[in-house]
Amino acid sequence: MAKRKLTRRQHWQIEKVQAERRERANKKDKAIDVAIEHGDLGPEQQGLIIAHYGSQIDVEALQGEHQGQQFRCKLRSNLGHLVTGDQVSWRQAADQSGVVVARDPRHSELSRPNKYGELKPIAANIDQIVVTIAPKPYAHANLVDRYLVAAEASDIEPIILLNKIDILDAEADAHIEPMLARYRQLGYRIIRASTKNQDGLAELLTTLDQRVSVFVGQSGVGKSSLVNVLLPGTDLKVSALSEYHEQGTHTTTTAKLFHFPKGGDLIDSPGIREFGLWHMDAETLIESFREFRPFLGYCKFSDCSHEHEPNCALLKALQDGDIDPVRLASYRSIKNSLDEFVTHQ
């Protein structure tokens, strides 16, 4: 998807809205400064962002007498885009609300660009990404590859979870099994599970134990149902697939973090039917296909497009069977989307 062109009037409207937002943010920051100066806020303490709702966030106190409790907090305008999983410094107000005043450095983050090409983080400080697919809605290999590329580029361990195996019929199996075989051959871990008959849940729980994990995938693959089973009492809203389109509806509207009783956290993210990588440069993209790495730098031409050039190391690897044609086609599709984005800027 290319970045859309804006008319002069649209540019003016955007600038007007941004100016109004800056004015509101300045007023809010001044009010926070006055509250701190007058002693209306408590001392700084450590907290963890559990969920994000527009201009407000839920922060869990990590210390003090209210440790473990959650507070709806406002935040300073100069903190950037805070997300679920961020560790922050915050001050408690008298009405059981609070104000976030600083963000700790992140050791990892999963990000994606919005429709205007602006890069936005989805979750922070995560150890592993659980790419969730199902027999229905249709599992698109290119979308899985996009998640894997984002994980590889962020140095976050990816795991592929085939959910709803209880509805895996012959048609879906003929599509999914070759896909999983490709990923298994590349060294990606694959887990198969079903909340209906409890298959694979013990293995999944062991994988999530003591780790901070984020569930990603299309709407309707059963992420919220998995959370409800893995963490009884959570009671996330779930919905059935559209019978006509066989696609899920967005029951999760914001990324939310949950604790496992024995240790480890799980972040359930909103379903995403497309996952743009327009922020990524071509070098990072090709290096994020792990099976390409041994052949990079060995092409005859330094600017090789890996399409038709003579003595292309990737094409030679394809011919020798060291690279799967489906993965190379997926790489080319993603690269074309990057090229289109640059062309239309």
Foldseek 3Di string as FASTA:
>chain_A
DAADDDDPVRVVVVVVVVVVVVVVLVVVVVVVVVCVVVVQWADKAKWFFFWDDVQWTWTAGCDDPRHRDIAIEGEHPPAPADAGGWMFIWIAGPVRHIYTYYTDDFLFFQWFADSNRHIDTAYTNFQEEEEEDELFPPDDLLQVLLVLLSCLLRVHAYAYEYEPCVPCDPVSCVVVVVSVVVVVVVPHHYFYAYLVVGPRLVVVCVVQAQGAYEYAAAAARCLVVSCCSQPPPPPQDHDHADPVNRGHDFSDDIWGWDADPRHGIYTYGTGDPHGAPLVDDLVSLQVSPVLCVVQPPQAPDPPDPPPDDPRRSVVVCVVVVSDPPVVVVSSVVNVVNNVSRVVND
